[in-house]
Amino acid sequence: MTRLSFPVLRAAALLSALAATPLLGSLPAHADGSFTPAQRQEIVSIVREALKQDPTILADAVAAMRAKGEAVQQAASLQAVQQNNDKLGRSNTDVVLGNPNGSVTLVEFYDPRCPYCRKVLPIIDQLVRDEPDVRIVEKVIPVLGPNSQLEAAALLASARQNAYLKFQKALMTDSETPSLERVRAIATSIGLDADRLERDMKSTDVMTVLSANMDLARKVGVDGTPTFIIGEKTIIPGAVSESDLKKAIAAARQAK
């Protein structure tokens, strides 16, 4: 999975996590739950001594913080998914694969330059063949710099010539250095009008879709590519396996 951002572990938060453990549970706090300077110094001394005796305490505290943070983020993301369901699953500006009227919607946020997104391309193709009641919404988000922006625009422009899948496969399996000239060459090689493609890449419509996709990705807490949203209750980050995606699809189907 290509990460978009990295969490920073703050010392104050770690101290808070440690203070909540049984190790420090006997220390009386103020009515508002805070500690006096003297108590905080005592906590530091206790923690230092405890870490000398059992270094796993630190690992346990960090793991607890991470698990709590992930649970909070997951809940917030799912709430955002439900609030933005129309933009996610029923947008008329994105490319839709599979059954346009499918009973289960799978949304994929991906970057054309992301190696993990390239890895799951054949899995998406297989889902289209194996899951006739699934609607797959492709949301391109150019998060990896100028080359991603160039190729993301080209992908959306190719859809205006009814060649999205064909162009996507050629582009995302290409190993040459990305450039506008290379994009034009790929387009020409599969029978597209390269001049029209270039014009459409710069169009207001294409730029608006890319901006809307990026905004939506931020709202639902996408922090890496690819990210899959199945129905309204499942978010799967990373290059997930075909079997795991099918299990999530089956669960979403059962929940209806």
Protein backbone atom coordinates (compact mmCIF):
# COMPACT_ATOMS: atom_id res chain seq x y z
CA MET A 1 0.00 0.00 0.00
CA THR A 2 1.34 3.43 -0.93
CA ARG A 3 0.90 5.64 2.14
CA LEU A 4 -0.16 9.27 1.85
CA SER A 5 0.82 10.30 5.36
CA PHE A 6 2.55 8.89 8.44
CA PRO A 7 1.32 9.11 12.06
CA VAL A 8 3.62 10.82 14.55
CA LEU A 9 3.97 9.31 18.01
CA ARG A 10 3.89 12.11 20.56
CA ALA A 11 5.56 11.79 23.93
CA ALA A 12 2.61 13.35 25.73
CA ALA A 13 0.22 10.81 24.28
CA LEU A 14 2.55 7.97 25.24
CA LEU A 15 2.73 9.26 28.79
CA SER A 16 -1.06 9.41 28.89
CA ALA A 17 -1.29 5.82 27.67
CA LEU A 18 1.18 4.64 30.27
CA ALA A 19 -0.63 6.56 32.98
CA ALA A 20 -3.78 4.61 32.18
CA THR A 21 -2.09 1.26 32.73
CA PRO A 22 -2.30 -0.73 36.01
CA LEU A 23 1.34 0.19 36.59
CA LEU A 24 0.32 3.74 37.54
CA GLY A 25 -3.26 3.15 38.58
CA SER A 26 -2.52 3.70 42.28
CA LEU A 27 -1.43 7.32 41.84
CA PRO A 28 -4.23 9.73 42.92
CA ALA A 29 -5.04 12.34 40.28
CA HIS A 30 -6.83 15.68 40.49
CA ALA A 31 -10.60 15.74 40.14
CA ASP A 32 -10.19 16.69 36.47
CA GLY A 33 -7.95 13.66 35.88
CA SER A 34 -4.66 15.61 35.63
CA PHE A 35 -1.49 15.06 37.66
CA THR A 36 0.48 17.57 39.69
CA PRO A 37 4.08 18.34 38.63
CA ALA A 38 5.32 16.19 41.51
CA GLN A 39 3.09 13.30 40.46
CA ARG A 40 4.25 13.60 36.86
CA GLN A 41 7.86 13.43 38.01
CA GLU A 42 7.01 10.36 40.06
CA ILE A 43 5.37 8.80 37.00
CA VAL A 44 8.52 9.41 34.94
CA SER A 45 10.64 7.76 37.63
CA ILE A 46 8.30 4.77 37.88
CA VAL A 47 8.21 4.37 34.10
CA ARG A 48 11.99 4.55 33.79
CA GLU A 49 12.47 1.92 36.46
CA ALA A 50 9.72 -0.28 35.04
CA LEU A 51 11.21 -0.13 31.55
CA LYS A 52 14.53 -1.27 32.92
CA GLN A 53 12.83 -4.27 34.49
CA ASP A 54 10.39 -5.02 31.62
CA PRO A 55 10.92 -3.22 28.27
CA THR A 56 7.77 -4.84 26.84
CA ILE A 57 5.69 -2.30 28.80
CA LEU A 58 6.59 0.34 26.20
CA ALA A 59 5.67 -1.93 23.30
CA ASP A 60 2.34 -2.74 24.95
CA ALA A 61 1.55 0.93 25.50
CA VAL A 62 2.40 1.82 21.90
CA ALA A 63 0.31 -1.09 20.60
CA ALA A 64 -2.65 0.03 22.74
CA MET A 65 -2.36 3.58 21.43
CA ARG A 66 -2.16 2.39 17.84
CA ALA A 67 -5.16 0.09 18.21
CA LYS A 68 -7.25 2.84 19.79
CA GLY A 69 -6.26 5.31 17.09
CA GLU A 70 -7.09 2.87 14.30
CA ALA A 71 -10.48 2.08 15.82
CA VAL A 72 -11.34 5.78 16.10
CA GLN A 73 -10.19 6.42 12.53
CA GLN A 74 -12.16 3.43 11.20
CA ALA A 75 -15.34 4.62 12.90
CA ALA A 76 -14.90 8.16 11.56
CA SER A 77 -14.19 6.84 8.05
CA LEU A 78 -17.28 4.63 8.02
CA GLN A 79 -19.42 7.53 9.18
CA ALA A 80 -18.00 9.65 6.34
CA VAL A 81 -18.71 6.83 3.88
CA GLN A 82 -22.36 6.76 4.92
CA GLN A 83 -22.62 10.55 4.72
CA ASN A 84 -21.08 10.62 1.23
CA ASN A 85 -22.66 7.47 -0.18
CA ASP A 86 -24.08 9.21 -3.26
CA LYS A 87 -20.70 10.69 -4.19
CA LEU A 88 -19.01 7.34 -3.63
CA GLY A 89 -21.32 4.85 -5.25
CA ARG A 90 -23.70 6.81 -7.42
CA SER A 91 -21.46 9.42 -9.01
CA ASN A 92 -21.98 9.85 -12.74
CA THR A 93 -18.53 11.33 -13.30
CA ASP A 94 -16.42 8.23 -12.64
CA VAL A 95 -15.79 5.15 -14.72
CA VAL A 96 -17.97 2.20 -13.67
CA LEU A 97 -16.91 -1.39 -14.33
CA GLY A 98 -18.98 -4.52 -14.07
CA ASN A 99 -22.73 -4.23 -13.64
CA PRO A 100 -23.84 -0.55 -13.60
CA ASN A 101 -26.97 -1.63 -11.72
CA GLY A 102 -25.24 -4.11 -9.41
CA SER A 103 -26.65 -4.77 -5.96
CA VAL A 104 -23.21 -4.35 -4.33
CA THR A 105 -20.97 -1.34 -4.94
CA LEU A 106 -17.20 -1.53 -4.63
CA VAL A 107 -15.29 1.75 -4.82
CA GLU A 108 -11.55 1.74 -5.55
CA PHE A 109 -9.38 4.77 -4.87
CA TYR A 110 -6.15 4.35 -6.81
CA ASP A 111 -3.16 6.17 -8.27
CA PRO A 112 -1.92 5.03 -11.71
CA ARG A 113 1.71 5.30 -10.57
CA CYS A 114 1.17 3.26 -7.39
CA PRO A 115 2.87 -0.17 -7.70
CA TYR A 116 0.30 -1.79 -5.42
CA CYS A 117 -2.54 -0.42 -7.53
CA ARG A 118 -0.88 -1.97 -10.56
CA LYS A 119 -0.63 -5.24 -8.72
CA VAL A 120 -4.41 -5.45 -8.16
CA LEU A 121 -5.37 -4.67 -11.77
CA PRO A 122 -5.87 -8.35 -12.71
CA ILE A 123 -7.88 -8.88 -9.51
CA ILE A 124 -10.32 -6.16 -10.54
CA ASP A 125 -10.61 -7.75 -13.99
CA GLN A 126 -11.38 -11.10 -12.36
CA LEU A 127 -14.04 -9.57 -10.12
CA VAL A 128 -15.79 -8.15 -13.17
CA ARG A 129 -15.93 -11.65 -14.63
CA ASP A 130 -16.83 -13.51 -11.44
CA GLU A 131 -19.21 -11.11 -9.68
CA PRO A 132 -22.05 -10.19 -12.08
CA ASP A 133 -23.99 -8.24 -9.44
CA VAL A 134 -21.11 -5.97 -8.41
CA ARG A 135 -20.76 -2.35 -9.50
CA ILE A 136 -17.11 -1.23 -9.41
CA VAL A 137 -16.54 2.54 -9.25
CA GLU A 138 -13.03 3.65 -10.20
CA LYS A 139 -11.87 6.82 -8.44
CA VAL A 140 -8.50 8.02 -9.66
CA ILE A 141 -6.57 10.13 -7.15
CA PRO A 142 -3.22 11.57 -8.27
CA VAL A 143 -1.34 11.60 -4.97
CA LEU A 144 2.20 10.73 -6.04
CA GLY A 145 3.22 13.92 -7.78
CA PRO A 146 3.19 15.44 -11.27
CA ASN A 147 3.49 12.13 -13.14
CA SER A 148 0.44 10.82 -11.28
CA GLN A 149 -1.49 13.97 -12.19
CA LEU A 150 -0.51 13.55 -15.83
CA GLU A 151 -1.54 9.90 -16.02
CA ALA A 152 -4.71 10.34 -13.95
CA ALA A 153 -5.89 13.03 -16.36
CA ALA A 154 -5.04 10.78 -19.29
CA LEU A 155 -7.08 7.94 -17.82
CA LEU A 156 -10.19 10.07 -17.46
CA ALA A 157 -9.64 11.53 -20.92
CA SER A 158 -9.42 8.05 -22.42
CA ALA A 159 -12.91 7.30 -21.09
CA ARG A 160 -14.22 10.05 -23.37
CA GLN A 161 -13.11 7.88 -26.27
CA ASN A 162 -14.70 4.78 -24.69
CA ALA A 163 -11.26 3.26 -24.16
CA TYR A 164 -10.70 3.49 -20.41
CA LEU A 165 -9.96 -0.17 -19.72
CA LYS A 166 -7.81 -0.59 -22.80
CA PHE A 167 -5.81 2.54 -22.04
CA GLN A 168 -5.60 1.74 -18.32
CA LYS A 169 -4.03 -1.64 -19.00
CA ALA A 170 -1.53 -0.20 -21.49
CA LEU A 171 -0.63 2.71 -19.23
CA MET A 172 -0.35 0.84 -15.94
CA THR A 173 1.74 -1.99 -17.38
CA ASP A 174 4.11 0.41 -19.13
CA SER A 175 7.64 0.61 -17.70
CA GLU A 176 8.92 3.61 -19.65
CA THR A 177 9.60 6.99 -18.05
CA PRO A 178 6.27 8.84 -17.80
CA SER A 179 5.79 11.95 -19.92
CA LEU A 180 3.16 13.57 -22.12
CA GLU A 181 4.96 12.20 -25.16
CA ARG A 182 4.80 8.71 -23.68
CA VAL A 183 1.09 9.09 -22.90
CA ARG A 184 0.45 10.16 -26.50
CA ALA A 185 2.47 7.22 -27.81
CA ILE A 186 0.48 4.76 -25.69
CA ALA A 187 -2.78 6.32 -26.83
CA THR A 188 -1.76 6.06 -30.48
CA SER A 189 -0.63 2.45 -30.06
CA ILE A 190 -4.13 1.37 -28.99
CA GLY A 191 -5.94 3.38 -31.64
CA LEU A 192 -6.90 6.54 -29.75
CA ASP A 193 -6.83 10.08 -31.09
CA ALA A 194 -3.80 11.44 -29.20
CA ASP A 195 -4.59 15.08 -30.00
CA ARG A 196 -8.10 14.73 -28.64
CA LEU A 197 -6.78 12.88 -25.59
CA GLU A 198 -4.38 15.73 -24.83
CA ARG A 199 -7.13 18.33 -25.18
CA ASP A 200 -9.46 16.36 -22.92
CA MET A 201 -6.71 15.91 -20.33
CA LYS A 202 -6.62 19.70 -19.90
CA SER A 203 -10.38 20.14 -19.86
CA THR A 204 -12.29 21.66 -16.97
CA ASP A 205 -14.41 18.49 -16.68
CA VAL A 206 -11.41 16.24 -16.12
CA MET A 207 -9.78 18.62 -13.63
CA THR A 208 -13.07 18.92 -11.73
CA VAL A 209 -13.42 15.14 -11.39
CA LEU A 210 -9.85 14.74 -10.12
CA SER A 211 -10.34 17.54 -7.59
CA ALA A 212 -13.63 16.02 -6.40
CA ASN A 213 -12.01 12.59 -6.04
CA MET A 214 -9.18 14.02 -3.94
CA ASP A 215 -11.64 15.90 -1.74
CA LEU A 216 -13.75 12.79 -1.23
CA ALA A 217 -10.67 10.69 -0.42
CA ARG A 218 -9.77 13.13 2.34
CA LYS A 219 -13.31 13.11 3.73
CA VAL A 220 -13.45 9.32 4.05
CA GLY A 221 -9.94 9.09 5.49
CA VAL A 222 -8.12 7.44 2.61
CA ASP A 223 -4.46 7.43 3.66
CA GLY A 224 -2.96 5.22 0.98
CA THR A 225 -3.56 3.54 -2.35
CA PRO A 226 -5.26 1.38 -3.24
CA THR A 227 -8.19 1.68 -0.84
CA PHE A 228 -11.41 -0.29 -1.36
CA ILE A 229 -14.81 0.60 0.07
CA ILE A 230 -17.42 -2.17 -0.16
CA GLY A 231 -20.96 -1.11 0.60
CA GLU A 232 -21.18 1.23 3.58
CA LYS A 233 -19.54 -0.91 6.25
CA THR A 234 -16.20 -2.14 4.95
CA ILE A 235 -12.98 -0.28 4.15
CA ILE A 236 -9.95 -2.28 3.04
CA PRO A 237 -6.62 -0.48 2.54
CA GLY A 238 -3.78 -1.94 0.51
CA ALA A 239 -3.22 -4.55 -2.18
CA VAL A 240 -5.83 -6.96 -0.87
CA SER A 241 -6.18 -10.49 -2.20
CA GLU A 242 -8.95 -11.58 -4.53
CA SER A 243 -10.36 -13.95 -1.91
CA ASP A 244 -10.56 -11.20 0.73
CA LEU A 245 -12.36 -8.86 -1.66
CA LYS A 246 -14.82 -11.62 -2.54
CA LYS A 247 -15.46 -12.27 1.16
CA ALA A 248 -16.16 -8.57 1.71
CA ILE A 249 -18.51 -8.53 -1.29
CA ALA A 250 -20.34 -11.59 0.04
CA ALA A 251 -20.71 -9.94 3.46
CA ALA A 252 -22.09 -6.77 1.87
CA ARG A 253 -24.53 -8.86 -0.15
CA GLN A 254 -25.70 -10.65 3.01
CA ALA A 255 -26.20 -7.35 4.82
CA LYS A 256 -28.75 -6.12 2.28
